[in-house]
Amino acid sequence: MPPLAVGNGDSGGHTNGREDFAGLRQYQPGDSSRHIAWKALARDGVLLTKQFTGQAARELWLSIELAPQGLNLEGKLSCLTRWVLDAHAAGLAYGLKLPARTISIGHGEAHREQCLEALALV
């Protein structure tokens, strides 16, 4: 997932230490390099991403510009779809910025469906 922005409008994913380590998951293209479990990679040769939980109010803007370079449009849309599903599963508030449409920050089933529909119609 792209970097998180703290709810007060700051960017960069800093949450003033109010997040706790929640576990590891398989690395996915687009995950922040700051969350890669480097010790696990050195020890086991497996690329994993650290996950965190906490009290910080977080907002996430998903944008086609944040998709990994070198992907074609279909690949970027696929990446955005994965990010929408991950953000929803993590209970994050997120918004979606596409070339012709912006969906404001929201959460829940209806918001996820609205974002997925917008991605499908690009």
N, C-alpha and C. Protein backbone atom coordinates (compact mmCIF):
# COMPACT_ATOMS: atom_id res chain seq x y z
N MET A 1 0.84 -1.17 0.00
CA MET A 1 0.00 0.00 0.00
C MET A 1 0.89 1.24 0.00
N PRO A 2 0.40 2.32 -0.59
CA PRO A 2 1.20 3.54 -0.55
C PRO A 2 1.29 4.10 0.86
N PRO A 3 2.19 5.08 1.11
CA PRO A 3 2.33 5.62 2.46
C PRO A 3 1.03 6.23 2.98
N LEU A 4 0.81 6.13 4.27
CA LEU A 4 -0.37 6.69 4.91
C LEU A 4 -0.15 8.15 5.25
N ALA A 5 -1.22 8.91 5.25
CA ALA A 5 -1.17 10.29 5.73
C ALA A 5 -1.96 10.36 7.02
N VAL A 6 -1.38 10.98 8.03
CA VAL A 6 -2.06 11.13 9.31
C VAL A 6 -3.27 12.02 9.11
N GLY A 7 -4.33 11.76 9.85
CA GLY A 7 -5.59 12.44 9.68
C GLY A 7 -5.55 13.95 9.80
N ASN A 8 -4.53 14.54 10.40
CA ASN A 8 -4.48 15.98 10.54
C ASN A 8 -3.92 16.67 9.30
N GLY A 9 -3.67 15.93 8.25
CA GLY A 9 -3.20 16.51 7.00
C GLY A 9 -1.72 16.37 6.77
N ASP A 10 -0.95 15.93 7.78
CA ASP A 10 0.47 15.68 7.56
C ASP A 10 0.62 14.50 6.63
N SER A 11 1.75 14.38 5.99
CA SER A 11 1.96 13.23 5.11
C SER A 11 3.20 12.48 5.55
N GLY A 12 3.36 11.29 5.02
CA GLY A 12 4.54 10.50 5.30
C GLY A 12 4.32 9.34 6.23
N GLY A 13 3.14 9.20 6.77
CA GLY A 13 2.85 8.02 7.55
C GLY A 13 3.26 8.08 9.00
N HIS A 14 3.71 9.22 9.52
CA HIS A 14 4.09 9.30 10.92
C HIS A 14 2.84 9.37 11.79
N THR A 15 2.84 8.61 12.87
CA THR A 15 1.66 8.57 13.74
C THR A 15 2.03 8.81 15.19
N ASN A 16 3.15 9.50 15.43
CA ASN A 16 3.53 9.89 16.78
C ASN A 16 3.63 8.70 17.73
N GLY A 17 4.05 7.54 17.25
CA GLY A 17 4.29 6.39 18.11
C GLY A 17 3.04 5.71 18.63
N ARG A 18 1.87 6.01 18.08
CA ARG A 18 0.64 5.44 18.59
C ARG A 18 0.24 4.17 17.85
N GLU A 19 1.15 3.58 17.12
CA GLU A 19 0.84 2.34 16.40
C GLU A 19 1.63 1.19 17.01
N ASP A 20 1.03 0.01 17.00
CA ASP A 20 1.66 -1.19 17.51
C ASP A 20 1.88 -2.17 16.38
N PHE A 21 2.98 -2.91 16.45
CA PHE A 21 3.26 -3.94 15.47
C PHE A 21 2.18 -5.01 15.54
N ALA A 22 1.59 -5.37 14.38
CA ALA A 22 0.49 -6.32 14.36
C ALA A 22 0.87 -7.65 13.68
N GLY A 23 2.00 -7.69 12.98
CA GLY A 23 2.39 -8.93 12.32
C GLY A 23 3.00 -8.67 10.96
N LEU A 24 3.22 -9.77 10.24
CA LEU A 24 3.83 -9.70 8.91
C LEU A 24 2.88 -10.31 7.89
N ARG A 25 2.99 -9.83 6.65
CA ARG A 25 2.24 -10.43 5.55
C ARG A 25 3.15 -10.44 4.33
N GLN A 26 2.76 -11.19 3.32
CA GLN A 26 3.51 -11.24 2.07
C GLN A 26 3.64 -9.84 1.49
N TYR A 27 4.81 -9.52 0.97
CA TYR A 27 5.03 -8.24 0.29
C TYR A 27 4.16 -8.16 -0.95
N GLN A 28 3.62 -6.97 -1.22
CA GLN A 28 2.86 -6.73 -2.45
C GLN A 28 3.45 -5.51 -3.12
N PRO A 29 3.53 -5.51 -4.46
CA PRO A 29 4.07 -4.34 -5.15
C PRO A 29 3.35 -3.07 -4.69
N GLY A 30 4.14 -2.04 -4.40
CA GLY A 30 3.57 -0.79 -3.93
C GLY A 30 3.69 -0.61 -2.43
N ASP A 31 4.03 -1.67 -1.68
CA ASP A 31 4.22 -1.54 -0.24
C ASP A 31 5.40 -0.61 0.03
N SER A 32 5.29 0.20 1.07
CA SER A 32 6.35 1.12 1.44
C SER A 32 7.61 0.36 1.82
N SER A 33 8.75 0.84 1.33
CA SER A 33 10.02 0.19 1.69
C SER A 33 10.32 0.37 3.18
N ARG A 34 9.71 1.37 3.82
CA ARG A 34 9.91 1.57 5.26
C ARG A 34 9.26 0.47 6.07
N HIS A 35 8.32 -0.28 5.49
CA HIS A 35 7.62 -1.34 6.22
C HIS A 35 8.10 -2.73 5.86
N ILE A 36 9.11 -2.82 5.01
CA ILE A 36 9.66 -4.14 4.67
C ILE A 36 10.37 -4.71 5.89
N ALA A 37 10.17 -5.98 6.16
CA ALA A 37 10.81 -6.67 7.29
C ALA A 37 12.21 -7.10 6.84
N TRP A 38 13.15 -6.16 6.94
CA TRP A 38 14.50 -6.39 6.41
C TRP A 38 15.20 -7.54 7.13
N LYS A 39 15.01 -7.68 8.44
CA LYS A 39 15.66 -8.77 9.18
C LYS A 39 15.14 -10.12 8.71
N ALA A 40 13.83 -10.20 8.45
CA ALA A 40 13.25 -11.46 7.96
C ALA A 40 13.79 -11.79 6.57
N LEU A 41 13.97 -10.75 5.75
CA LEU A 41 14.52 -10.96 4.41
C LEU A 41 15.94 -11.49 4.50
N ALA A 42 16.76 -10.89 5.36
CA ALA A 42 18.15 -11.33 5.51
C ALA A 42 18.22 -12.74 6.08
N ARG A 43 17.33 -13.05 7.03
CA ARG A 43 17.36 -14.34 7.70
C ARG A 43 16.81 -15.46 6.82
N ASP A 44 15.63 -15.22 6.20
CA ASP A 44 14.93 -16.29 5.50
C ASP A 44 14.89 -16.13 3.99
N GLY A 45 15.26 -14.95 3.50
CA GLY A 45 15.19 -14.70 2.06
C GLY A 45 13.76 -14.50 1.56
N VAL A 46 12.84 -14.20 2.47
CA VAL A 46 11.43 -14.01 2.12
C VAL A 46 11.09 -12.53 2.30
N LEU A 47 10.48 -11.94 1.27
CA LEU A 47 10.11 -10.53 1.33
C LEU A 47 8.74 -10.39 2.00
N LEU A 48 8.73 -9.77 3.20
CA LEU A 48 7.52 -9.59 3.98
C LEU A 48 7.34 -8.11 4.32
N THR A 49 6.10 -7.72 4.61
CA THR A 49 5.78 -6.35 4.99
C THR A 49 5.23 -6.35 6.40
N LYS A 50 5.73 -5.40 7.22
CA LYS A 50 5.24 -5.24 8.58
C LYS A 50 3.88 -4.55 8.54
N GLN A 51 2.97 -4.99 9.40
CA GLN A 51 1.66 -4.36 9.54
C GLN A 51 1.54 -3.80 10.95
N PHE A 52 0.82 -2.68 11.06
CA PHE A 52 0.68 -2.00 12.34
C PHE A 52 -0.79 -1.70 12.61
N THR A 53 -1.13 -1.62 13.89
CA THR A 53 -2.44 -1.17 14.32
C THR A 53 -2.23 -0.11 15.38
N GLY A 54 -3.25 0.68 15.64
CA GLY A 54 -3.07 1.67 16.68
C GLY A 54 -4.23 2.64 16.74
N GLN A 55 -4.05 3.66 17.56
CA GLN A 55 -5.10 4.63 17.81
C GLN A 55 -5.07 5.80 16.84
N ALA A 56 -4.03 5.92 16.03
CA ALA A 56 -3.91 7.09 15.16
C ALA A 56 -5.01 7.10 14.10
N ALA A 57 -5.61 8.27 13.92
CA ALA A 57 -6.60 8.44 12.85
C ALA A 57 -5.84 8.57 11.55
N ARG A 58 -6.10 7.68 10.60
CA ARG A 58 -5.33 7.66 9.37
C ARG A 58 -6.23 7.84 8.17
N GLU A 59 -5.68 8.54 7.19
CA GLU A 59 -6.34 8.68 5.90
C GLU A 59 -5.38 8.21 4.83
N LEU A 60 -5.91 7.63 3.80
CA LEU A 60 -5.09 7.11 2.73
C LEU A 60 -5.67 7.58 1.41
N TRP A 61 -4.86 8.27 0.62
CA TRP A 61 -5.27 8.64 -0.73
C TRP A 61 -4.61 7.67 -1.70
N LEU A 62 -5.41 7.00 -2.48
CA LEU A 62 -4.94 6.08 -3.50
C LEU A 62 -5.01 6.80 -4.83
N SER A 63 -3.91 6.79 -5.56
CA SER A 63 -3.84 7.52 -6.82
C SER A 63 -3.07 6.70 -7.84
N ILE A 64 -3.45 6.84 -9.09
CA ILE A 64 -2.78 6.11 -10.16
C ILE A 64 -1.31 6.51 -10.25
N GLU A 65 -0.98 7.75 -9.82
CA GLU A 65 0.41 8.21 -9.85
C GLU A 65 1.28 7.47 -8.83
N LEU A 66 0.67 6.88 -7.80
CA LEU A 66 1.41 6.15 -6.78
C LEU A 66 1.71 4.71 -7.17
N ALA A 67 1.09 4.23 -8.24
CA ALA A 67 1.33 2.86 -8.70
C ALA A 67 2.77 2.73 -9.17
N PRO A 68 3.36 1.57 -9.03
CA PRO A 68 4.76 1.38 -9.42
C PRO A 68 5.01 1.78 -10.88
N GLN A 69 6.13 2.45 -11.09
CA GLN A 69 6.53 2.84 -12.44
C GLN A 69 6.76 1.60 -13.29
N GLY A 70 6.55 1.73 -14.57
CA GLY A 70 6.78 0.63 -15.48
C GLY A 70 5.55 -0.22 -15.75
N LEU A 71 4.49 -0.04 -14.98
CA LEU A 71 3.26 -0.78 -15.22
C LEU A 71 2.44 -0.07 -16.29
N ASN A 72 1.77 -0.85 -17.13
CA ASN A 72 0.84 -0.24 -18.08
C ASN A 72 -0.44 0.14 -17.33
N LEU A 73 -1.39 0.76 -18.02
CA LEU A 73 -2.61 1.23 -17.37
C LEU A 73 -3.34 0.09 -16.66
N GLU A 74 -3.45 -1.05 -17.31
CA GLU A 74 -4.14 -2.20 -16.71
C GLU A 74 -3.43 -2.64 -15.42
N GLY A 75 -2.11 -2.66 -15.43
CA GLY A 75 -1.35 -3.02 -14.25
C GLY A 75 -1.54 -2.03 -13.12
N LYS A 76 -1.57 -0.74 -13.45
CA LYS A 76 -1.79 0.29 -12.43
C LYS A 76 -3.18 0.18 -11.83
N LEU A 77 -4.18 -0.09 -12.67
CA LEU A 77 -5.55 -0.27 -12.17
C LEU A 77 -5.65 -1.50 -11.28
N SER A 78 -4.94 -2.54 -11.64
CA SER A 78 -4.91 -3.75 -10.82
C SER A 78 -4.28 -3.46 -9.46
N CYS A 79 -3.21 -2.69 -9.46
CA CYS A 79 -2.55 -2.30 -8.21
C CYS A 79 -3.49 -1.47 -7.34
N LEU A 80 -4.18 -0.51 -7.94
CA LEU A 80 -5.14 0.30 -7.21
C LEU A 80 -6.27 -0.54 -6.63
N THR A 81 -6.73 -1.51 -7.39
CA THR A 81 -7.78 -2.41 -6.91
C THR A 81 -7.31 -3.16 -5.67
N ARG A 82 -6.09 -3.67 -5.70
CA ARG A 82 -5.53 -4.37 -4.54
C ARG A 82 -5.45 -3.43 -3.35
N TRP A 83 -5.03 -2.18 -3.57
CA TRP A 83 -4.92 -1.22 -2.48
C TRP A 83 -6.28 -0.91 -1.88
N VAL A 84 -7.31 -0.78 -2.72
CA VAL A 84 -8.67 -0.54 -2.22
C VAL A 84 -9.10 -1.70 -1.33
N LEU A 85 -8.90 -2.91 -1.80
CA LEU A 85 -9.29 -4.09 -1.02
C LEU A 85 -8.51 -4.19 0.29
N ASP A 86 -7.20 -3.89 0.24
CA ASP A 86 -6.38 -3.93 1.45
C ASP A 86 -6.80 -2.85 2.44
N ALA A 87 -7.04 -1.62 1.93
CA ALA A 87 -7.44 -0.53 2.82
C ALA A 87 -8.78 -0.85 3.49
N HIS A 88 -9.71 -1.41 2.71
CA HIS A 88 -11.01 -1.78 3.27
C HIS A 88 -10.83 -2.86 4.35
N ALA A 89 -10.03 -3.87 4.04
CA ALA A 89 -9.82 -4.97 4.99
C ALA A 89 -9.15 -4.47 6.28
N ALA A 90 -8.30 -3.44 6.16
CA ALA A 90 -7.61 -2.90 7.32
C ALA A 90 -8.46 -1.89 8.09
N GLY A 91 -9.64 -1.57 7.56
CA GLY A 91 -10.52 -0.62 8.23
C GLY A 91 -10.08 0.83 8.12
N LEU A 92 -9.28 1.14 7.09
CA LEU A 92 -8.79 2.50 6.90
C LEU A 92 -9.81 3.36 6.19
N ALA A 93 -9.75 4.65 6.44
CA ALA A 93 -10.50 5.62 5.64
C ALA A 93 -9.60 5.94 4.44
N TYR A 94 -10.16 5.87 3.23
CA TYR A 94 -9.35 6.09 2.04
C TYR A 94 -10.17 6.79 0.97
N GLY A 95 -9.45 7.46 0.09
CA GLY A 95 -10.04 8.11 -1.07
C GLY A 95 -9.33 7.63 -2.32
N LEU A 96 -9.92 7.90 -3.47
CA LEU A 96 -9.37 7.42 -4.73
C LEU A 96 -9.29 8.57 -5.72
N LYS A 97 -8.11 8.77 -6.29
CA LYS A 97 -7.91 9.81 -7.30
C LYS A 97 -7.58 9.14 -8.63
N LEU A 98 -8.48 9.31 -9.58
CA LEU A 98 -8.31 8.79 -10.93
C LEU A 98 -8.22 9.98 -11.88
N PRO A 99 -7.75 9.76 -13.11
CA PRO A 99 -7.61 10.89 -14.04
C PRO A 99 -8.89 11.71 -14.22
N ALA A 100 -10.04 11.08 -14.29
CA ALA A 100 -11.27 11.83 -14.57
C ALA A 100 -12.23 11.89 -13.38
N ARG A 101 -11.81 11.36 -12.23
CA ARG A 101 -12.74 11.29 -11.09
C ARG A 101 -11.99 11.20 -9.78
N THR A 102 -12.51 11.85 -8.76
CA THR A 102 -11.97 11.73 -7.40
C THR A 102 -13.10 11.32 -6.48
N ILE A 103 -12.86 10.29 -5.69
CA ILE A 103 -13.82 9.82 -4.69
C ILE A 103 -13.24 10.21 -3.33
N SER A 104 -13.96 11.01 -2.57
CA SER A 104 -13.45 11.53 -1.31
C SER A 104 -13.25 10.43 -0.28
N ILE A 105 -12.54 10.78 0.78
CA ILE A 105 -12.23 9.85 1.87
C ILE A 105 -13.52 9.26 2.43
N GLY A 106 -13.50 7.96 2.62
CA GLY A 106 -14.65 7.26 3.18
C GLY A 106 -14.24 5.87 3.63
N HIS A 107 -15.20 5.09 4.06
CA HIS A 107 -14.94 3.70 4.46
C HIS A 107 -16.25 2.93 4.39
N GLY A 108 -16.17 1.63 4.56
CA GLY A 108 -17.35 0.78 4.54
C GLY A 108 -17.57 0.08 3.21
N GLU A 109 -18.57 -0.81 3.22
CA GLU A 109 -18.88 -1.62 2.04
C GLU A 109 -19.27 -0.77 0.83
N ALA A 110 -20.15 0.20 1.03
CA ALA A 110 -20.63 1.04 -0.08
C ALA A 110 -19.48 1.84 -0.68
N HIS A 111 -18.59 2.33 0.16
CA HIS A 111 -17.44 3.10 -0.32
C HIS A 111 -16.52 2.21 -1.15
N ARG A 112 -16.25 1.00 -0.64
CA ARG A 112 -15.42 0.05 -1.39
C ARG A 112 -16.02 -0.22 -2.75
N GLU A 113 -17.32 -0.49 -2.80
CA GLU A 113 -17.99 -0.78 -4.07
C GLU A 113 -17.92 0.41 -5.03
N GLN A 114 -18.09 1.62 -4.50
CA GLN A 114 -18.00 2.83 -5.33
C GLN A 114 -16.61 2.95 -5.94
N CYS A 115 -15.58 2.70 -5.15
CA CYS A 115 -14.21 2.77 -5.66
C CYS A 115 -13.93 1.67 -6.70
N LEU A 116 -14.36 0.47 -6.42
CA LEU A 116 -14.14 -0.63 -7.36
C LEU A 116 -14.88 -0.39 -8.68
N GLU A 117 -16.08 0.16 -8.60
CA GLU A 117 -16.83 0.48 -9.81
C GLU A 117 -16.10 1.56 -10.63
N ALA A 118 -15.59 2.58 -9.94
CA ALA A 118 -14.87 3.64 -10.64
C ALA A 118 -13.63 3.10 -11.33
N LEU A 119 -12.94 2.18 -10.69
CA LEU A 119 -11.76 1.55 -11.29
C LEU A 119 -12.14 0.72 -12.51
N ALA A 120 -13.25 0.00 -12.40
CA ALA A 120 -13.70 -0.84 -13.52
C ALA A 120 -14.10 -0.02 -14.74
N LEU A 121 -14.54 1.22 -14.51
CA LEU A 121 -15.02 2.06 -15.62
C LEU A 121 -13.92 2.90 -16.26
N VAL A 122 -12.70 2.85 -15.72
CA VAL A 122 -11.60 3.63 -16.32
C VAL A 122 -11.30 3.07 -17.69
